Amino acid sequence: FQMKCGYKRHPMRPMAAEDKKSIAIANFLGSKHVATIVAPEGVTIECDENDKDKRIFVNGLDIEKVGSTCGRIYQSCIPTGLDRRKFKDGIYLQERLFQVQESEE
């Protein structure tokens, strides 16, 4: 899965850990709180800090674990107590890429 940061006011800083097992999201709506999401076993999280598009790649073999990790990343960046029509900052799912192996018959 490919996710992308969208912001209008304060640029977020997603940083993946060296072991690709967790991601830390800093400066969401200018707050000092750092949201940390730990991926379950078999799921890797990758993001490049120098990428201007701020893309996050979530990979794994189990689609349910990958999907739940993307959901947890999305839910960690929902503005609370603010008008959702005006504050659209967050991390959104951009693309789903599946690899299907062809079986030999």
PDB file of N, CA and C in Angstrom:
ATOM      1  N   PHE A   1       0.842  -1.168   0.000  1.00  0.00           N
ATOM      2  CA  PHE A   1       0.000   0.000   0.000  1.00  0.00           C
ATOM      3  C   PHE A   1       0.887   1.231   0.000  1.00  0.00           C
ATOM      4  N   GLN A   2       0.389   2.293  -0.617  1.00  0.00           N
ATOM      5  CA  GLN A   2       1.131   3.547  -0.653  1.00  0.00           C
ATOM      6  C   GLN A   2       0.258   4.625  -0.031  1.00  0.00           C
ATOM      7  N   MET A   3       0.804   5.333   0.954  1.00  0.00           N
ATOM      8  CA  MET A   3       0.090   6.411   1.627  1.00  0.00           C
ATOM      9  C   MET A   3       0.823   7.719   1.369  1.00  0.00           C
ATOM     10  N   LYS A   4       0.085   8.820   1.494  1.00  0.00           N
ATOM     11  CA  LYS A   4       0.681  10.118   1.211  1.00  0.00           C
ATOM     12  C   LYS A   4       0.227  11.129   2.255  1.00  0.00           C
ATOM     13  N   CYS A   5       1.146  12.006   2.646  1.00  0.00           N
ATOM     14  CA  CYS A   5       0.839  13.060   3.608  1.00  0.00           C
ATOM     15  C   CYS A   5       0.185  14.229   2.887  1.00  0.00           C
ATOM     16  N   GLY A   6      -0.873  14.720   3.471  1.00  0.00           N
ATOM     17  CA  GLY A   6      -1.526  15.914   2.937  1.00  0.00           C
ATOM     18  C   GLY A   6      -1.620  16.949   4.030  1.00  0.00           C
ATOM     19  N   TYR A   7      -1.112  18.131   3.779  1.00  0.00           N
ATOM     20  CA  TYR A   7      -1.160  19.183   4.797  1.00  0.00           C
ATOM     21  C   TYR A   7      -1.280  20.521   4.102  1.00  0.00           C
ATOM     22  N   LYS A   8      -1.834  21.480   4.850  1.00  0.00           N
ATOM     23  CA  LYS A   8      -1.999  22.824   4.328  1.00  0.00           C
ATOM     24  C   LYS A   8      -1.260  23.839   5.190  1.00  0.00           C
ATOM     25  N   ARG A   9      -1.200  23.589   6.486  1.00  0.00           N
ATOM     26  CA  ARG A   9      -0.638  24.573   7.405  1.00  0.00           C
ATOM     27  C   ARG A   9       0.752  24.202   7.909  1.00  0.00           C
ATOM     28  N   HIS A  10       0.867  23.039   8.517  1.00  0.00           N
ATOM     29  CA  HIS A  10       2.131  22.634   9.129  1.00  0.00           C
ATOM     30  C   HIS A  10       2.616  21.353   8.463  1.00  0.00           C
ATOM     31  N   PRO A  11       3.800  21.353   7.890  1.00  0.00           N
ATOM     32  CA  PRO A  11       4.289  20.124   7.247  1.00  0.00           C
ATOM     33  C   PRO A  11       4.611  19.041   8.273  1.00  0.00           C
ATOM     34  N   MET A  12       4.039  17.870   8.039  1.00  0.00           N
ATOM     35  CA  MET A  12       4.298  16.727   8.924  1.00  0.00           C
ATOM     36  C   MET A  12       5.649  16.119   8.581  1.00  0.00           C
ATOM     37  N   ARG A  13       6.209  15.421   9.557  1.00  0.00           N
ATOM     38  CA  ARG A  13       7.487  14.748   9.346  1.00  0.00           C
ATOM     39  C   ARG A  13       7.336  13.272   9.704  1.00  0.00           C
ATOM     40  N   PRO A  14       6.972  12.433   8.732  1.00  0.00           N
ATOM     41  CA  PRO A  14       6.953  10.997   9.034  1.00  0.00           C
ATOM     42  C   PRO A  14       8.362  10.429   8.951  1.00  0.00           C
ATOM     43  N   MET A  15       8.735   9.645   9.957  1.00  0.00           N
ATOM     44  CA  MET A  15      10.071   9.061   9.992  1.00  0.00           C
ATOM     45  C   MET A  15       9.941   7.577  10.321  1.00  0.00           C
ATOM     46  N   ALA A  16      10.375   6.724   9.396  1.00  0.00           N
ATOM     47  CA  ALA A  16      10.357   5.283   9.651  1.00  0.00           C
ATOM     48  C   ALA A  16      11.597   4.911  10.452  1.00  0.00           C
ATOM     49  N   ALA A  17      11.447   3.893  11.279  1.00  0.00           N
ATOM     50  CA  ALA A  17      12.576   3.422  12.080  1.00  0.00           C
ATOM     51  C   ALA A  17      13.565   2.676  11.192  1.00  0.00           C
ATOM     52  N   GLU A  18      14.768   2.493  11.705  1.00  0.00           N
ATOM     53  CA  GLU A  18      15.811   1.808  10.938  1.00  0.00           C
ATOM     54  C   GLU A  18      15.445   0.354  10.638  1.00  0.00           C
ATOM     55  N   ASP A  19      14.744  -0.289  11.576  1.00  0.00           N
ATOM     56  CA  ASP A  19      14.386  -1.692  11.356  1.00  0.00           C
ATOM     57  C   ASP A  19      13.094  -1.848  10.558  1.00  0.00           C
ATOM     58  N   LYS A  20      12.462  -0.744  10.143  1.00  0.00           N
ATOM     59  CA  LYS A  20      11.248  -0.723   9.320  1.00  0.00           C
ATOM     60  C   LYS A  20      10.059  -1.382  10.016  1.00  0.00           C
ATOM     61  N   LYS A  21      10.047  -1.353  11.342  1.00  0.00           N
ATOM     62  CA  LYS A  21       8.952  -1.949  12.102  1.00  0.00           C
ATOM     63  C   LYS A  21       8.023  -0.908  12.717  1.00  0.00           C
ATOM     64  N   SER A  22       8.386   0.369  12.647  1.00  0.00           N
ATOM     65  CA  SER A  22       7.534   1.406  13.226  1.00  0.00           C
ATOM     66  C   SER A  22       7.726   2.713  12.469  1.00  0.00           C
ATOM     67  N   ILE A  23       6.786   3.617  12.695  1.00  0.00           N
ATOM     68  CA  ILE A  23       6.859   4.944  12.083  1.00  0.00           C
ATOM     69  C   ILE A  23       6.495   5.968  13.150  1.00  0.00           C
ATOM     70  N   ALA A  24       7.173   7.103  13.119  1.00  0.00           N
ATOM     71  CA  ALA A  24       6.898   8.208  14.033  1.00  0.00           C
ATOM     72  C   ALA A  24       6.469   9.410  13.206  1.00  0.00           C
ATOM     73  N   ILE A  25       5.347  10.012  13.581  1.00  0.00           N
ATOM     74  CA  ILE A  25       4.812  11.155  12.849  1.00  0.00           C
ATOM     75  C   ILE A  25       4.897  12.362  13.768  1.00  0.00           C
ATOM     76  N   ALA A  26       5.711  13.338  13.382  1.00  0.00           N
ATOM     77  CA  ALA A  26       5.928  14.529  14.196  1.00  0.00           C
ATOM     78  C   ALA A  26       5.337  15.748  13.502  1.00  0.00           C
ATOM     79  N   ASN A  27       5.059  16.779  14.280  1.00  0.00           N
ATOM     80  CA  ASN A  27       4.596  18.085  13.809  1.00  0.00           C
ATOM     81  C   ASN A  27       3.239  18.013  13.112  1.00  0.00           C
ATOM     82  N   PHE A  28       2.332  17.156  13.588  1.00  0.00           N
ATOM     83  CA  PHE A  28       0.984  17.110  13.026  1.00  0.00           C
ATOM     84  C   PHE A  28       0.193  18.289  13.566  1.00  0.00           C
ATOM     85  N   LEU A  29      -0.243  19.166  12.698  1.00  0.00           N
ATOM     86  CA  LEU A  29      -0.939  20.411  13.033  1.00  0.00           C
ATOM     87  C   LEU A  29      -0.132  21.266  14.008  1.00  0.00           C
ATOM     88  N   GLY A  30       1.190  21.177  13.925  1.00  0.00           N
ATOM     89  CA  GLY A  30       2.077  21.994  14.736  1.00  0.00           C
ATOM     90  C   GLY A  30       2.223  21.536  16.170  1.00  0.00           C
ATOM     91  N   SER A  31       1.738  20.354  16.501  1.00  0.00           N
ATOM     92  CA  SER A  31       1.817  19.895  17.894  1.00  0.00           C
ATOM     93  C   SER A  31       3.178  19.283  18.190  1.00  0.00           C
ATOM     94  N   LYS A  32       3.515  19.246  19.446  1.00  0.00           N
ATOM     95  CA  LYS A  32       4.783  18.664  19.876  1.00  0.00           C
ATOM     96  C   LYS A  32       4.673  17.152  20.078  1.00  0.00           C
ATOM     97  N   HIS A  33       3.449  16.625  20.087  1.00  0.00           N
ATOM     98  CA  HIS A  33       3.221  15.196  20.288  1.00  0.00           C
ATOM     99  C   HIS A  33       3.723  14.407  19.077  1.00  0.00           C
ATOM    100  N   VAL A  34       4.428  13.319  19.331  1.00  0.00           N
ATOM    101  CA  VAL A  34       4.923  12.448  18.263  1.00  0.00           C
ATOM    102  C   VAL A  34       4.127  11.145  18.324  1.00  0.00           C
ATOM    103  N   ALA A  35       3.365  10.883  17.266  1.00  0.00           N
ATOM    104  CA  ALA A  35       2.573   9.648  17.204  1.00  0.00           C
ATOM    105  C   ALA A  35       3.471   8.529  16.677  1.00  0.00           C
ATOM    106  N   THR A  36       3.523   7.422  17.402  1.00  0.00           N
ATOM    107  CA  THR A  36       4.337   6.280  17.009  1.00  0.00           C
ATOM    108  C   THR A  36       3.429   5.096  16.765  1.00  0.00           C
ATOM    109  N   ILE A  37       3.544   4.490  15.585  1.00  0.00           N
ATOM    110  CA  ILE A  37       2.752   3.328  15.218  1.00  0.00           C
ATOM    111  C   ILE A  37       3.713   2.172  14.983  1.00  0.00           C
ATOM    112  N   VAL A  38       3.485   1.071  15.685  1.00  0.00           N
ATOM    113  CA  VAL A  38       4.317  -0.121  15.561  1.00  0.00           C
ATOM    114  C   VAL A  38       3.589  -1.118  14.667  1.00  0.00           C
ATOM    115  N   ALA A  39       4.287  -1.628  13.668  1.00  0.00           N
ATOM    116  CA  ALA A  39       3.699  -2.576  12.720  1.00  0.00           C
ATOM    117  C   ALA A  39       3.717  -3.982  13.312  1.00  0.00           C
ATOM    118  N   PRO A  40       2.715  -4.803  12.983  1.00  0.00           N
ATOM    119  CA  PRO A  40       2.734  -6.189  13.458  1.00  0.00           C
ATOM    120  C   PRO A  40       3.791  -7.014  12.726  1.00  0.00           C
ATOM    121  N   GLU A  41       3.956  -8.248  13.147  1.00  0.00           N
ATOM    122  CA  GLU A  41       4.962  -9.144  12.563  1.00  0.00           C
ATOM    123  C   GLU A  41       4.654  -9.374  11.080  1.00  0.00           C
ATOM    124  N   GLY A  42       5.674  -9.234  10.239  1.00  0.00           N
ATOM    125  CA  GLY A  42       5.522  -9.480   8.807  1.00  0.00           C
ATOM    126  C   GLY A  42       5.185  -8.253   7.983  1.00  0.00           C
ATOM    127  N   VAL A  43       5.094  -7.084   8.605  1.00  0.00           N
ATOM    128  CA  VAL A  43       4.764  -5.843   7.901  1.00  0.00           C
ATOM    129  C   VAL A  43       5.941  -4.886   8.039  1.00  0.00           C
ATOM    130  N   THR A  44       6.330  -4.259   6.925  1.00  0.00           N
ATOM    131  CA  THR A  44       7.406  -3.276   6.942  1.00  0.00           C
ATOM    132  C   THR A  44       6.863  -1.920   6.517  1.00  0.00           C
ATOM    133  N   ILE A  45       7.423  -0.877   7.101  1.00  0.00           N
ATOM    134  CA  ILE A  45       7.035   0.501   6.789  1.00  0.00           C
ATOM    135  C   ILE A  45       8.269   1.226   6.294  1.00  0.00           C
ATOM    136  N   GLU A  46       8.155   1.858   5.127  1.00  0.00           N
ATOM    137  CA  GLU A  46       9.280   2.584   4.546  1.00  0.00           C
ATOM    138  C   GLU A  46       8.826   3.990   4.170  1.00  0.00           C
ATOM    139  N   CYS A  47       9.679   4.962   4.442  1.00  0.00           N
ATOM    140  CA  CYS A  47       9.453   6.315   3.951  1.00  0.00           C
ATOM    141  C   CYS A  47      10.800   7.011   3.838  1.00  0.00           C
ATOM    142  N   ASP A  48      10.911   7.873   2.850  1.00  0.00           N
ATOM    143  CA  ASP A  48      12.140   8.604   2.599  1.00  0.00           C
ATOM    144  C   ASP A  48      11.941  10.030   3.095  1.00  0.00           C
ATOM    145  N   GLU A  49      12.796  10.475   3.988  1.00  0.00           N
ATOM    146  CA  GLU A  49      12.658  11.827   4.531  1.00  0.00           C
ATOM    147  C   GLU A  49      12.941  12.897   3.484  1.00  0.00           C
ATOM    148  N   ASN A  50      13.723  12.574   2.463  1.00  0.00           N
ATOM    149  CA  ASN A  50      14.065  13.554   1.442  1.00  0.00           C
ATOM    150  C   ASN A  50      13.040  13.615   0.319  1.00  0.00           C
ATOM    151  N   ASP A  51      12.048  12.716   0.322  1.00  0.00           N
ATOM    152  CA  ASP A  51      11.012  12.701  -0.705  1.00  0.00           C
ATOM    153  C   ASP A  51      10.076  13.885  -0.498  1.00  0.00           C
ATOM    154  N   LYS A  52       9.919  14.725  -1.505  1.00  0.00           N
ATOM    155  CA  LYS A  52       9.085  15.907  -1.344  1.00  0.00           C
ATOM    156  C   LYS A  52       7.599  15.561  -1.315  1.00  0.00           C
ATOM    157  N   ASP A  53       7.218  14.392  -1.846  1.00  0.00           N
ATOM    158  CA  ASP A  53       5.817  13.980  -1.826  1.00  0.00           C
ATOM    159  C   ASP A  53       5.415  13.338  -0.504  1.00  0.00           C
ATOM    160  N   LYS A  54       6.389  13.028   0.373  1.00  0.00           N
ATOM    161  CA  LYS A  54       6.145  12.429   1.681  1.00  0.00           C
ATOM    162  C   LYS A  54       5.321  11.151   1.563  1.00  0.00           C
ATOM    163  N   ARG A  55       5.775  10.234   0.711  1.00  0.00           N
ATOM    164  CA  ARG A  55       5.077   8.966   0.532  1.00  0.00           C
ATOM    165  C   ARG A  55       5.536   7.956   1.576  1.00  0.00           C
ATOM    166  N   ILE A  56       4.602   7.124   2.002  1.00  0.00           N
ATOM    167  CA  ILE A  56       4.867   6.064   2.969  1.00  0.00           C
ATOM    168  C   ILE A  56       4.458   4.753   2.317  1.00  0.00           C
ATOM    169  N   PHE A  57       5.352   3.769   2.330  1.00  0.00           N
ATOM    170  CA  PHE A  57       5.075   2.466   1.733  1.00  0.00           C
ATOM    171  C   PHE A  57       4.923   1.443   2.849  1.00  0.00           C
ATOM    172  N   VAL A  58       3.797   0.735   2.852  1.00  0.00           N
ATOM    173  CA  VAL A  58       3.525  -0.306   3.834  1.00  0.00           C
ATOM    174  C   VAL A  58       3.458  -1.623   3.062  1.00  0.00           C
ATOM    175  N   ASN A  59       4.365  -2.551   3.360  1.00  0.00           N
ATOM    176  CA  ASN A  59       4.482  -3.801   2.619  1.00  0.00           C
ATOM    177  C   ASN A  59       4.328  -4.982   3.556  1.00  0.00           C
ATOM    178  N   GLY A  60       3.869  -6.098   2.985  1.00  0.00           N
ATOM    179  CA  GLY A  60       3.756  -7.321   3.764  1.00  0.00           C
ATOM    180  C   GLY A  60       3.016  -8.391   2.980  1.00  0.00           C
ATOM    181  N   LEU A  61       3.038  -9.611   3.502  1.00  0.00           N
ATOM    182  CA  LEU A  61       2.373 -10.727   2.834  1.00  0.00           C
ATOM    183  C   LEU A  61       0.911 -10.861   3.240  1.00  0.00           C
ATOM    184  N   ASP A  62       0.595 -10.596   4.495  1.00  0.00           N
ATOM    185  CA  ASP A  62      -0.781 -10.704   4.970  1.00  0.00           C
ATOM    186  C   ASP A  62      -1.504  -9.385   4.727  1.00  0.00           C
ATOM    187  N   ILE A  63      -2.506  -9.410   3.855  1.00  0.00           N
ATOM    188  CA  ILE A  63      -3.187  -8.171   3.463  1.00  0.00           C
ATOM    189  C   ILE A  63      -3.980  -7.565   4.614  1.00  0.00           C
ATOM    190  N   GLU A  64      -4.467  -8.387   5.541  1.00  0.00           N
ATOM    191  CA  GLU A  64      -5.217  -7.856   6.681  1.00  0.00           C
ATOM    192  C   GLU A  64      -4.311  -7.091   7.635  1.00  0.00           C
ATOM    193  N   LYS A  65      -3.111  -7.595   7.864  1.00  0.00           N
ATOM    194  CA  LYS A  65      -2.166  -6.892   8.730  1.00  0.00           C
ATOM    195  C   LYS A  65      -1.701  -5.590   8.099  1.00  0.00           C
ATOM    196  N   VAL A  66      -1.461  -5.622   6.781  1.00  0.00           N
ATOM    197  CA  VAL A  66      -1.032  -4.408   6.077  1.00  0.00           C
ATOM    198  C   VAL A  66      -2.152  -3.375   6.097  1.00  0.00           C
ATOM    199  N   GLY A  67      -3.378  -3.809   5.839  1.00  0.00           N
ATOM    200  CA  GLY A  67      -4.518  -2.892   5.847  1.00  0.00           C
ATOM    201  C   GLY A  67      -4.780  -2.303   7.220  1.00  0.00           C
ATOM    202  N   SER A  68      -4.646  -3.113   8.271  1.00  0.00           N
ATOM    203  CA  SER A  68      -4.865  -2.587   9.620  1.00  0.00           C
ATOM    204  C   SER A  68      -3.761  -1.609  10.026  1.00  0.00           C
ATOM    205  N   THR A  69      -2.542  -1.845   9.555  1.00  0.00           N
ATOM    206  CA  THR A  69      -1.453  -0.896   9.830  1.00  0.00           C
ATOM    207  C   THR A  69      -1.724   0.435   9.146  1.00  0.00           C
ATOM    208  N   CYS A  70      -2.191   0.394   7.904  1.00  0.00           N
ATOM    209  CA  CYS A  70      -2.545   1.638   7.197  1.00  0.00           C
ATOM    210  C   CYS A  70      -3.679   2.357   7.909  1.00  0.00           C
ATOM    211  N   GLY A  71      -4.638   1.614   8.398  1.00  0.00           N
ATOM    212  CA  GLY A  71      -5.738   2.220   9.147  1.00  0.00           C
ATOM    213  C   GLY A  71      -5.277   2.880  10.429  1.00  0.00           C
ATOM    214  N   ARG A  72      -4.329   2.257  11.128  1.00  0.00           N
ATOM    215  CA  ARG A  72      -3.802   2.851  12.358  1.00  0.00           C
ATOM    216  C   ARG A  72      -3.005   4.112  12.068  1.00  0.00           C
ATOM    217  N   ILE A  73      -2.269   4.127  10.948  1.00  0.00           N
ATOM    218  CA  ILE A  73      -1.533   5.340  10.561  1.00  0.00           C
ATOM    219  C   ILE A  73      -2.516   6.456  10.235  1.00  0.00           C
ATOM    220  N   TYR A  74      -3.582   6.124   9.495  1.00  0.00           N
ATOM    221  CA  TYR A  74      -4.598   7.119   9.131  1.00  0.00           C
ATOM    222  C   TYR A  74      -5.294   7.669  10.381  1.00  0.00           C
ATOM    223  N   GLN A  75      -5.664   6.793  11.305  1.00  0.00           N
ATOM    224  CA  GLN A  75      -6.392   7.221  12.494  1.00  0.00           C
ATOM    225  C   GLN A  75      -5.533   8.032  13.451  1.00  0.00           C
ATOM    226  N   SER A  76      -4.227   7.875  13.387  1.00  0.00           N
ATOM    227  CA  SER A  76      -3.370   8.655  14.273  1.00  0.00           C
ATOM    228  C   SER A  76      -3.262  10.110  13.834  1.00  0.00           C
ATOM    229  N   CYS A  77      -3.671  10.409  12.600  1.00  0.00           N
ATOM    230  CA  CYS A  77      -3.556  11.773  12.070  1.00  0.00           C
ATOM    231  C   CYS A  77      -4.916  12.373  11.723  1.00  0.00           C
ATOM    232  N   ILE A  78      -5.908  12.130  12.554  1.00  0.00           N
ATOM    233  CA  ILE A  78      -7.213  12.745  12.356  1.00  0.00           C
ATOM    234  C   ILE A  78      -7.309  13.943  13.294  1.00  0.00           C
ATOM    235  N   PRO A  79      -7.583  15.148  12.751  1.00  0.00           N
ATOM    236  CA  PRO A  79      -7.706  16.307  13.633  1.00  0.00           C
ATOM    237  C   PRO A  79      -8.960  16.189  14.500  1.00  0.00           C
ATOM    238  N   THR A  80      -8.804  16.283  15.799  1.00  0.00           N
ATOM    239  CA  THR A  80      -9.927  16.185  16.721  1.00  0.00           C
ATOM    240  C   THR A  80     -10.307  17.573  17.230  1.00  0.00           C
ATOM    241  N   GLY A  81     -11.597  17.793  17.330  1.00  0.00           N
ATOM    242  CA  GLY A  81     -12.089  19.078  17.826  1.00  0.00           C
ATOM    243  C   GLY A  81     -12.017  20.193  16.795  1.00  0.00           C
ATOM    244  N   LEU A  82     -11.756  19.856  15.551  1.00  0.00           N
ATOM    245  CA  LEU A  82     -11.661  20.853  14.490  1.00  0.00           C
ATOM    246  C   LEU A  82     -12.635  20.497  13.373  1.00  0.00           C
ATOM    247  N   ASP A  83     -12.973  21.460  12.558  1.00  0.00           N
ATOM    248  CA  ASP A  83     -13.894  21.241  11.449  1.00  0.00           C
ATOM    249  C   ASP A  83     -13.197  20.447  10.344  1.00  0.00           C
ATOM    250  N   ARG A  84     -13.708  19.251  10.023  1.00  0.00           N
ATOM    251  CA  ARG A  84     -13.087  18.385   9.012  1.00  0.00           C
ATOM    252  C   ARG A  84     -13.181  18.992   7.616  1.00  0.00           C
ATOM    253  N   ARG A  85     -14.108  19.897   7.393  1.00  0.00           N
ATOM    254  CA  ARG A  85     -14.217  20.519   6.069  1.00  0.00           C
ATOM    255  C   ARG A  85     -13.096  21.522   5.832  1.00  0.00           C
ATOM    256  N   LYS A  86     -12.571  22.089   6.906  1.00  0.00           N
ATOM    257  CA  LYS A  86     -11.513  23.082   6.775  1.00  0.00           C
ATOM    258  C   LYS A  86     -10.130  22.489   7.009  1.00  0.00           C
ATOM    259  N   PHE A  87     -10.003  21.618   8.014  1.00  0.00           N
ATOM    260  CA  PHE A  87      -8.713  21.028   8.348  1.00  0.00           C
ATOM    261  C   PHE A  87      -8.631  19.640   7.723  1.00  0.00           C
ATOM    262  N   LYS A  88      -8.025  19.551   6.559  1.00  0.00           N
ATOM    263  CA  LYS A  88      -7.912  18.280   5.846  1.00  0.00           C
ATOM    264  C   LYS A  88      -6.515  17.684   5.964  1.00  0.00           C
ATOM    265  N   ASP A  89      -5.751  18.150   6.939  1.00  0.00           N
ATOM    266  CA  ASP A  89      -4.409  17.602   7.142  1.00  0.00           C
ATOM    267  C   ASP A  89      -4.511  16.158   7.602  1.00  0.00           C
ATOM    268  N   GLY A  90      -3.589  15.330   7.130  1.00  0.00           N
ATOM    269  CA  GLY A  90      -3.579  13.939   7.548  1.00  0.00           C
ATOM    270  C   GLY A  90      -2.749  13.089   6.605  1.00  0.00           C
ATOM    271  N   ILE A  91      -2.755  11.796   6.851  1.00  0.00           N
ATOM    272  CA  ILE A  91      -2.079  10.827   5.989  1.00  0.00           C
ATOM    273  C   ILE A  91      -3.159   9.946   5.392  1.00  0.00           C
ATOM    274  N   TYR A  92      -3.208   9.901   4.075  1.00  0.00           N
ATOM    275  CA  TYR A  92      -4.279   9.221   3.368  1.00  0.00           C
ATOM    276  C   TYR A  92      -3.734   8.101   2.492  1.00  0.00           C
ATOM    277  N   LEU A  93      -4.557   7.071   2.291  1.00  0.00           N
ATOM    278  CA  LEU A  93      -4.208   5.964   1.413  1.00  0.00           C
ATOM    279  C   LEU A  93      -4.301   6.446  -0.024  1.00  0.00           C
ATOM    280  N   GLN A  94      -3.216   6.296  -0.771  1.00  0.00           N
ATOM    281  CA  GLN A  94      -3.185   6.782  -2.138  1.00  0.00           C
ATOM    282  C   GLN A  94      -3.356   5.660  -3.154  1.00  0.00           C
ATOM    283  N   GLU A  95      -2.726   4.520  -2.898  1.00  0.00           N
ATOM    284  CA  GLU A  95      -2.725   3.476  -3.912  1.00  0.00           C
ATOM    285  C   GLU A  95      -2.568   2.111  -3.253  1.00  0.00           C
ATOM    286  N   ARG A  96      -3.284   1.123  -3.799  1.00  0.00           N
ATOM    287  CA  ARG A  96      -3.146  -0.262  -3.352  1.00  0.00           C
ATOM    288  C   ARG A  96      -2.513  -1.054  -4.475  1.00  0.00           C
ATOM    289  N   LEU A  97      -1.407  -1.668  -4.175  1.00  0.00           N
ATOM    290  CA  LEU A  97      -0.698  -2.468  -5.170  1.00  0.00           C
ATOM    291  C   LEU A  97      -0.630  -3.897  -4.663  1.00  0.00           C
ATOM    292  N   PHE A  98      -1.141  -4.829  -5.448  1.00  0.00           N
ATOM    293  CA  PHE A  98      -1.117  -6.237  -5.078  1.00  0.00           C
ATOM    294  C   PHE A  98      -0.230  -6.983  -6.044  1.00  0.00           C
ATOM    295  N   GLN A  99       0.506  -7.931  -5.523  1.00  0.00           N
ATOM    296  CA  GLN A  99       1.306  -8.823  -6.362  1.00  0.00           C
ATOM    297  C   GLN A  99       0.634 -10.176  -6.373  1.00  0.00           C
ATOM    298  N   VAL A 100       0.205 -10.596  -7.552  1.00  0.00           N
ATOM    299  CA  VAL A 100      -0.478 -11.873  -7.686  1.00  0.00           C
ATOM    300  C   VAL A 100       0.477 -12.831  -8.392  1.00  0.00           C
ATOM    301  N   GLN A 101       0.689 -13.978  -7.764  1.00  0.00           N
ATOM    302  CA  GLN A 101       1.567 -14.969  -8.381  1.00  0.00           C
ATOM    303  C   GLN A 101       0.725 -15.904  -9.243  1.00  0.00           C
ATOM    304  N   GLU A 102       1.223 -16.183 -10.427  1.00  0.00           N
ATOM    305  CA  GLU A 102       0.519 -17.077 -11.317  1.00  0.00           C
ATOM    306  C   GLU A 102       0.862 -18.510 -10.950  1.00  0.00           C
ATOM    307  N   SER A 103      -0.153 -19.345 -10.849  1.00  0.00           N
ATOM    308  CA  SER A 103       0.097 -20.741 -10.503  1.00  0.00           C
ATOM    309  C   SER A 103       0.342 -21.544 -11.771  1.00  0.00           C
ATOM    310  N   GLU A 104       1.250 -22.471 -11.670  1.00  0.00           N
ATOM    311  CA  GLU A 104       1.569 -23.330 -12.818  1.00  0.00           C
ATOM    312  C   GLU A 104       0.685 -24.562 -12.771  1.00  0.00           C
ATOM    313  N   GLU A 105      -0.055 -24.779 -13.829  1.00  0.00           N
ATOM    314  CA  GLU A 105      -0.946 -25.945 -13.886  1.00  0.00           C
ATOM    315  C   GLU A 105      -0.532 -26.893 -14.961  1.00  0.00           C
TER     316      GLU A 105
END
